[in-house]
Amino acid sequence: KNLISSRRSAWRATQSLESKHEMSEKRLEHLQVFKKTLSEELKKICDEALELINKLLVNADDDDESFIFYMKMKGDYYRYMAEYVSGTQRDEIIASSEKAYDTAFQRSGKLAN
């Protein structure tokens, strides 16, 4: 999670600069290249994290607390991805995030009893 935080902050800052400030064509071009690089790095980190969670960490047979923890983490990484994508891809990622959070929430009902 720490690996992604600085890139998410940088992406949000570039987004803000891009939309709020007048700048030269050359500076805007550099900003867009940097933003694209950040997006690619974020995607790679999120994809790797989700692959680890899906293949190695989360298992329906796990104890409830572990399962909930990893499903929440899965929802978080999908949410991070939704910050920097658009269109139908964003809608699919949001749906995946909601599904992971819902799965964790449903399983948490067992803990309350």
N, C-alpha and C. Protein backbone atom coordinates (compact mmCIF):
# COMPACT_ATOMS: atom_id res chain seq x y z
N LYS A 1 0.83 -1.19 0.00
CA LYS A 1 0.00 0.00 0.00
C LYS A 1 0.88 1.25 0.00
N ASN A 2 1.99 1.22 0.72
CA ASN A 2 2.89 2.36 0.75
C ASN A 2 3.50 2.63 -0.62
N LEU A 3 3.71 1.57 -1.37
CA LEU A 3 4.29 1.68 -2.70
C LEU A 3 3.41 2.51 -3.63
N ILE A 4 2.13 2.43 -3.44
CA ILE A 4 1.19 3.10 -4.35
C ILE A 4 0.82 4.51 -3.89
N SER A 5 0.95 4.81 -2.62
CA SER A 5 0.49 6.10 -2.07
C SER A 5 1.13 7.30 -2.74
N SER A 6 2.44 7.29 -2.90
CA SER A 6 3.11 8.45 -3.49
C SER A 6 2.72 8.63 -4.95
N ARG A 7 2.52 7.54 -5.66
CA ARG A 7 2.11 7.65 -7.06
C ARG A 7 0.67 8.16 -7.18
N ARG A 8 -0.19 7.72 -6.29
CA ARG A 8 -1.57 8.22 -6.31
C ARG A 8 -1.60 9.72 -6.02
N SER A 9 -0.80 10.16 -5.06
CA SER A 9 -0.72 11.58 -4.74
C SER A 9 -0.18 12.38 -5.92
N ALA A 10 0.85 11.86 -6.56
CA ALA A 10 1.44 12.54 -7.71
C ALA A 10 0.43 12.60 -8.86
N TRP A 11 -0.31 11.52 -9.06
CA TRP A 11 -1.31 11.51 -10.14
C TRP A 11 -2.39 12.56 -9.88
N ARG A 12 -2.84 12.64 -8.64
CA ARG A 12 -3.87 13.64 -8.30
C ARG A 12 -3.33 15.06 -8.49
N ALA A 13 -2.06 15.28 -8.13
CA ALA A 13 -1.46 16.60 -8.31
C ALA A 13 -1.36 16.96 -9.79
N THR A 14 -0.97 16.01 -10.62
CA THR A 14 -0.88 16.29 -12.06
C THR A 14 -2.27 16.55 -12.63
N GLN A 15 -3.25 15.83 -12.15
CA GLN A 15 -4.64 16.03 -12.59
C GLN A 15 -5.08 17.46 -12.25
N SER A 16 -4.75 17.89 -11.06
CA SER A 16 -5.12 19.23 -10.62
C SER A 16 -4.40 20.29 -11.44
N LEU A 17 -3.11 20.12 -11.63
CA LEU A 17 -2.34 21.07 -12.43
C LEU A 17 -2.88 21.17 -13.85
N GLU A 18 -3.20 20.05 -14.40
CA GLU A 18 -3.67 19.98 -15.77
C GLU A 18 -5.00 20.75 -15.95
N SER A 19 -5.84 20.68 -14.94
CA SER A 19 -7.17 21.28 -15.09
C SER A 19 -7.25 22.72 -14.59
N LYS A 20 -6.34 23.15 -13.74
CA LYS A 20 -6.49 24.46 -13.11
C LYS A 20 -5.52 25.53 -13.58
N HIS A 21 -4.43 25.15 -14.19
CA HIS A 21 -3.40 26.13 -14.48
C HIS A 21 -3.18 26.29 -15.98
N GLU A 22 -3.01 27.54 -16.36
CA GLU A 22 -2.61 27.83 -17.73
C GLU A 22 -1.12 27.50 -17.84
N MET A 23 -0.75 26.83 -18.90
CA MET A 23 0.65 26.51 -19.09
C MET A 23 0.97 26.40 -20.57
N SER A 24 2.25 26.47 -20.84
CA SER A 24 2.68 26.40 -22.23
C SER A 24 2.37 25.01 -22.79
N GLU A 25 2.31 24.94 -24.11
CA GLU A 25 2.05 23.67 -24.79
C GLU A 25 3.10 22.63 -24.42
N LYS A 26 4.34 23.05 -24.35
CA LYS A 26 5.45 22.13 -24.03
C LYS A 26 5.31 21.60 -22.59
N ARG A 27 5.00 22.49 -21.67
CA ARG A 27 4.84 22.08 -20.27
C ARG A 27 3.65 21.13 -20.12
N LEU A 28 2.56 21.42 -20.81
CA LEU A 28 1.38 20.56 -20.78
C LEU A 28 1.72 19.18 -21.34
N GLU A 29 2.50 19.15 -22.41
CA GLU A 29 2.92 17.88 -23.00
C GLU A 29 3.75 17.06 -22.01
N HIS A 30 4.69 17.72 -21.32
CA HIS A 30 5.50 17.02 -20.31
C HIS A 30 4.63 16.49 -19.17
N LEU A 31 3.67 17.29 -18.76
CA LEU A 31 2.77 16.89 -17.69
C LEU A 31 1.96 15.66 -18.10
N GLN A 32 1.48 15.64 -19.33
CA GLN A 32 0.69 14.51 -19.81
C GLN A 32 1.54 13.25 -19.93
N VAL A 33 2.79 13.39 -20.34
CA VAL A 33 3.70 12.24 -20.41
C VAL A 33 3.94 11.68 -19.01
N PHE A 34 4.17 12.59 -18.05
CA PHE A 34 4.39 12.16 -16.67
C PHE A 34 3.15 11.46 -16.11
N LYS A 35 1.99 12.03 -16.40
CA LYS A 35 0.73 11.44 -15.93
C LYS A 35 0.52 10.05 -16.53
N LYS A 36 0.85 9.89 -17.80
CA LYS A 36 0.74 8.59 -18.45
C LYS A 36 1.68 7.58 -17.79
N THR A 37 2.91 8.02 -17.50
CA THR A 37 3.88 7.15 -16.82
C THR A 37 3.36 6.73 -15.45
N LEU A 38 2.82 7.68 -14.71
CA LEU A 38 2.24 7.36 -13.40
C LEU A 38 1.10 6.36 -13.53
N SER A 39 0.23 6.56 -14.50
CA SER A 39 -0.90 5.65 -14.72
C SER A 39 -0.41 4.23 -15.01
N GLU A 40 0.61 4.12 -15.83
CA GLU A 40 1.16 2.80 -16.15
C GLU A 40 1.77 2.13 -14.93
N GLU A 41 2.49 2.92 -14.11
CA GLU A 41 3.07 2.37 -12.88
C GLU A 41 1.98 1.95 -11.91
N LEU A 42 0.95 2.77 -11.76
CA LEU A 42 -0.17 2.43 -10.88
C LEU A 42 -0.85 1.15 -11.33
N LYS A 43 -1.09 1.03 -12.62
CA LYS A 43 -1.72 -0.17 -13.16
C LYS A 43 -0.89 -1.40 -12.87
N LYS A 44 0.41 -1.30 -13.08
CA LYS A 44 1.30 -2.44 -12.85
C LYS A 44 1.28 -2.86 -11.37
N ILE A 45 1.36 -1.90 -10.48
CA ILE A 45 1.35 -2.20 -9.04
C ILE A 45 0.02 -2.83 -8.63
N CYS A 46 -1.08 -2.24 -9.09
CA CYS A 46 -2.40 -2.76 -8.73
C CYS A 46 -2.62 -4.16 -9.32
N ASP A 47 -2.22 -4.35 -10.56
CA ASP A 47 -2.37 -5.67 -11.19
C ASP A 47 -1.57 -6.73 -10.44
N GLU A 48 -0.34 -6.39 -10.05
CA GLU A 48 0.49 -7.35 -9.30
C GLU A 48 -0.12 -7.66 -7.93
N ALA A 49 -0.60 -6.62 -7.26
CA ALA A 49 -1.22 -6.83 -5.94
C ALA A 49 -2.46 -7.70 -6.05
N LEU A 50 -3.30 -7.41 -7.04
CA LEU A 50 -4.52 -8.20 -7.22
C LEU A 50 -4.21 -9.64 -7.59
N GLU A 51 -3.18 -9.84 -8.38
CA GLU A 51 -2.78 -11.21 -8.73
C GLU A 51 -2.32 -11.97 -7.49
N LEU A 52 -1.52 -11.33 -6.65
CA LEU A 52 -1.08 -11.98 -5.41
C LEU A 52 -2.27 -12.30 -4.50
N ILE A 53 -3.16 -11.34 -4.36
CA ILE A 53 -4.33 -11.56 -3.50
C ILE A 53 -5.15 -12.74 -4.03
N ASN A 54 -5.44 -12.73 -5.33
CA ASN A 54 -6.30 -13.76 -5.91
C ASN A 54 -5.65 -15.14 -5.93
N LYS A 55 -4.38 -15.20 -6.23
CA LYS A 55 -3.73 -16.51 -6.40
C LYS A 55 -3.14 -17.07 -5.12
N LEU A 56 -2.67 -16.20 -4.23
CA LEU A 56 -1.92 -16.70 -3.09
C LEU A 56 -2.53 -16.40 -1.72
N LEU A 57 -3.29 -15.34 -1.63
CA LEU A 57 -3.69 -14.90 -0.30
C LEU A 57 -5.12 -15.22 0.09
N VAL A 58 -6.07 -14.88 -0.77
CA VAL A 58 -7.47 -15.07 -0.38
C VAL A 58 -7.93 -16.48 -0.75
N ASN A 59 -8.60 -17.09 0.19
CA ASN A 59 -9.11 -18.44 0.00
C ASN A 59 -10.43 -18.52 0.78
N ALA A 60 -11.47 -18.97 0.15
CA ALA A 60 -12.78 -19.04 0.79
C ALA A 60 -12.75 -19.89 2.06
N ASP A 61 -11.78 -20.78 2.18
CA ASP A 61 -11.67 -21.63 3.36
C ASP A 61 -10.91 -20.98 4.51
N ASP A 62 -10.36 -19.78 4.27
CA ASP A 62 -9.62 -19.07 5.31
C ASP A 62 -10.54 -18.73 6.48
N ASP A 63 -9.92 -18.47 7.64
CA ASP A 63 -10.72 -18.00 8.76
C ASP A 63 -11.35 -16.66 8.35
N ASP A 64 -12.43 -16.31 9.00
CA ASP A 64 -13.22 -15.15 8.59
C ASP A 64 -12.40 -13.86 8.57
N GLU A 65 -11.60 -13.62 9.59
CA GLU A 65 -10.85 -12.36 9.66
C GLU A 65 -9.86 -12.24 8.51
N SER A 66 -9.15 -13.29 8.19
CA SER A 66 -8.20 -13.25 7.07
C SER A 66 -8.92 -13.03 5.75
N PHE A 67 -9.99 -13.76 5.54
CA PHE A 67 -10.75 -13.63 4.30
C PHE A 67 -11.26 -12.21 4.13
N ILE A 68 -11.84 -11.63 5.18
CA ILE A 68 -12.37 -10.27 5.13
C ILE A 68 -11.24 -9.27 4.85
N PHE A 69 -10.12 -9.44 5.52
CA PHE A 69 -8.98 -8.55 5.32
C PHE A 69 -8.54 -8.53 3.86
N TYR A 70 -8.38 -9.70 3.26
CA TYR A 70 -7.90 -9.77 1.87
C TYR A 70 -8.95 -9.30 0.87
N MET A 71 -10.22 -9.56 1.14
CA MET A 71 -11.26 -9.07 0.24
C MET A 71 -11.36 -7.55 0.30
N LYS A 72 -11.19 -6.96 1.49
CA LYS A 72 -11.18 -5.51 1.60
C LYS A 72 -9.97 -4.95 0.85
N MET A 73 -8.83 -5.60 0.99
CA MET A 73 -7.64 -5.16 0.29
C MET A 73 -7.85 -5.22 -1.23
N LYS A 74 -8.51 -6.27 -1.68
CA LYS A 74 -8.83 -6.41 -3.10
C LYS A 74 -9.72 -5.25 -3.55
N GLY A 75 -10.74 -4.93 -2.77
CA GLY A 75 -11.60 -3.80 -3.09
C GLY A 75 -10.83 -2.49 -3.12
N ASP A 76 -9.88 -2.33 -2.20
CA ASP A 76 -9.06 -1.12 -2.16
C ASP A 76 -8.25 -0.96 -3.45
N TYR A 77 -7.60 -2.03 -3.89
CA TYR A 77 -6.77 -1.92 -5.09
C TYR A 77 -7.61 -1.66 -6.34
N TYR A 78 -8.79 -2.23 -6.41
CA TYR A 78 -9.67 -1.89 -7.52
C TYR A 78 -10.09 -0.41 -7.43
N ARG A 79 -10.34 0.06 -6.22
CA ARG A 79 -10.72 1.47 -6.04
C ARG A 79 -9.58 2.39 -6.48
N TYR A 80 -8.34 2.02 -6.15
CA TYR A 80 -7.20 2.83 -6.58
C TYR A 80 -7.15 2.89 -8.12
N MET A 81 -7.41 1.76 -8.76
CA MET A 81 -7.40 1.72 -10.22
C MET A 81 -8.49 2.61 -10.80
N ALA A 82 -9.62 2.67 -10.15
CA ALA A 82 -10.74 3.47 -10.65
C ALA A 82 -10.43 4.96 -10.63
N GLU A 83 -9.43 5.36 -9.86
CA GLU A 83 -9.07 6.78 -9.78
C GLU A 83 -8.46 7.30 -11.07
N TYR A 84 -7.84 6.45 -11.85
CA TYR A 84 -7.08 6.95 -13.00
C TYR A 84 -7.50 6.35 -14.34
N VAL A 85 -8.59 5.60 -14.38
CA VAL A 85 -9.10 5.09 -15.66
C VAL A 85 -10.46 5.75 -15.94
N SER A 86 -10.94 5.59 -17.17
CA SER A 86 -12.22 6.20 -17.52
C SER A 86 -13.02 5.26 -18.40
N GLY A 87 -14.24 5.68 -18.69
CA GLY A 87 -15.10 4.93 -19.61
C GLY A 87 -15.60 3.63 -19.04
N THR A 88 -15.85 2.67 -19.94
CA THR A 88 -16.40 1.39 -19.52
C THR A 88 -15.42 0.61 -18.65
N GLN A 89 -14.12 0.82 -18.88
CA GLN A 89 -13.12 0.14 -18.04
C GLN A 89 -13.29 0.58 -16.59
N ARG A 90 -13.55 1.86 -16.37
CA ARG A 90 -13.75 2.37 -15.01
C ARG A 90 -14.99 1.73 -14.39
N ASP A 91 -16.07 1.63 -15.16
CA ASP A 91 -17.30 1.02 -14.66
C ASP A 91 -17.06 -0.43 -14.23
N GLU A 92 -16.29 -1.17 -15.01
CA GLU A 92 -15.99 -2.57 -14.68
C GLU A 92 -15.14 -2.66 -13.42
N ILE A 93 -14.18 -1.76 -13.29
CA ILE A 93 -13.31 -1.76 -12.11
C ILE A 93 -14.11 -1.41 -10.87
N ILE A 94 -14.99 -0.42 -10.98
CA ILE A 94 -15.84 -0.05 -9.84
C ILE A 94 -16.72 -1.23 -9.43
N ALA A 95 -17.27 -1.94 -10.40
CA ALA A 95 -18.10 -3.11 -10.10
C ALA A 95 -17.28 -4.18 -9.38
N SER A 96 -16.03 -4.38 -9.81
CA SER A 96 -15.16 -5.37 -9.15
C SER A 96 -14.85 -4.95 -7.72
N SER A 97 -14.63 -3.66 -7.53
CA SER A 97 -14.36 -3.15 -6.19
C SER A 97 -15.58 -3.35 -5.28
N GLU A 98 -16.74 -2.98 -5.78
CA GLU A 98 -17.96 -3.15 -4.99
C GLU A 98 -18.21 -4.62 -4.66
N LYS A 99 -17.94 -5.49 -5.60
CA LYS A 99 -18.14 -6.93 -5.36
C LYS A 99 -17.21 -7.43 -4.25
N ALA A 100 -15.96 -7.00 -4.27
CA ALA A 100 -15.01 -7.42 -3.23
C ALA A 100 -15.44 -6.88 -1.87
N TYR A 101 -15.81 -5.60 -1.81
CA TYR A 101 -16.28 -5.03 -0.54
C TYR A 101 -17.55 -5.73 -0.04
N ASP A 102 -18.49 -6.00 -0.95
CA ASP A 102 -19.72 -6.68 -0.56
C ASP A 102 -19.44 -8.09 -0.03
N THR A 103 -18.52 -8.79 -0.68
CA THR A 103 -18.16 -10.14 -0.24
C THR A 103 -17.58 -10.08 1.16
N ALA A 104 -16.70 -9.12 1.39
CA ALA A 104 -16.11 -8.96 2.73
C ALA A 104 -17.19 -8.62 3.76
N PHE A 105 -18.09 -7.74 3.39
CA PHE A 105 -19.15 -7.33 4.31
C PHE A 105 -20.07 -8.50 4.66
N GLN A 106 -20.45 -9.28 3.65
CA GLN A 106 -21.32 -10.44 3.91
C GLN A 106 -20.64 -11.43 4.85
N ARG A 107 -19.36 -11.66 4.63
CA ARG A 107 -18.62 -12.61 5.48
C ARG A 107 -18.47 -12.05 6.89
N SER A 108 -18.41 -10.73 7.01
CA SER A 108 -18.25 -10.14 8.35
C SER A 108 -19.47 -10.37 9.23
N GLY A 109 -20.61 -10.66 8.61
CA GLY A 109 -21.80 -10.97 9.39
C GLY A 109 -21.59 -12.17 10.30
N LYS A 110 -20.73 -13.09 9.90
CA LYS A 110 -20.43 -14.26 10.74
C LYS A 110 -19.70 -13.85 12.02
N LEU A 111 -18.90 -12.79 11.95
CA LEU A 111 -18.16 -12.36 13.11
C LEU A 111 -19.04 -11.69 14.16
N ALA A 112 -20.11 -11.08 13.69
CA ALA A 112 -20.99 -10.36 14.61
C ALA A 112 -21.79 -11.31 15.50
N ASN A 113 -21.92 -12.54 15.06
CA ASN A 113 -22.73 -13.51 15.83
C ASN A 113 -21.96 -14.20 16.89
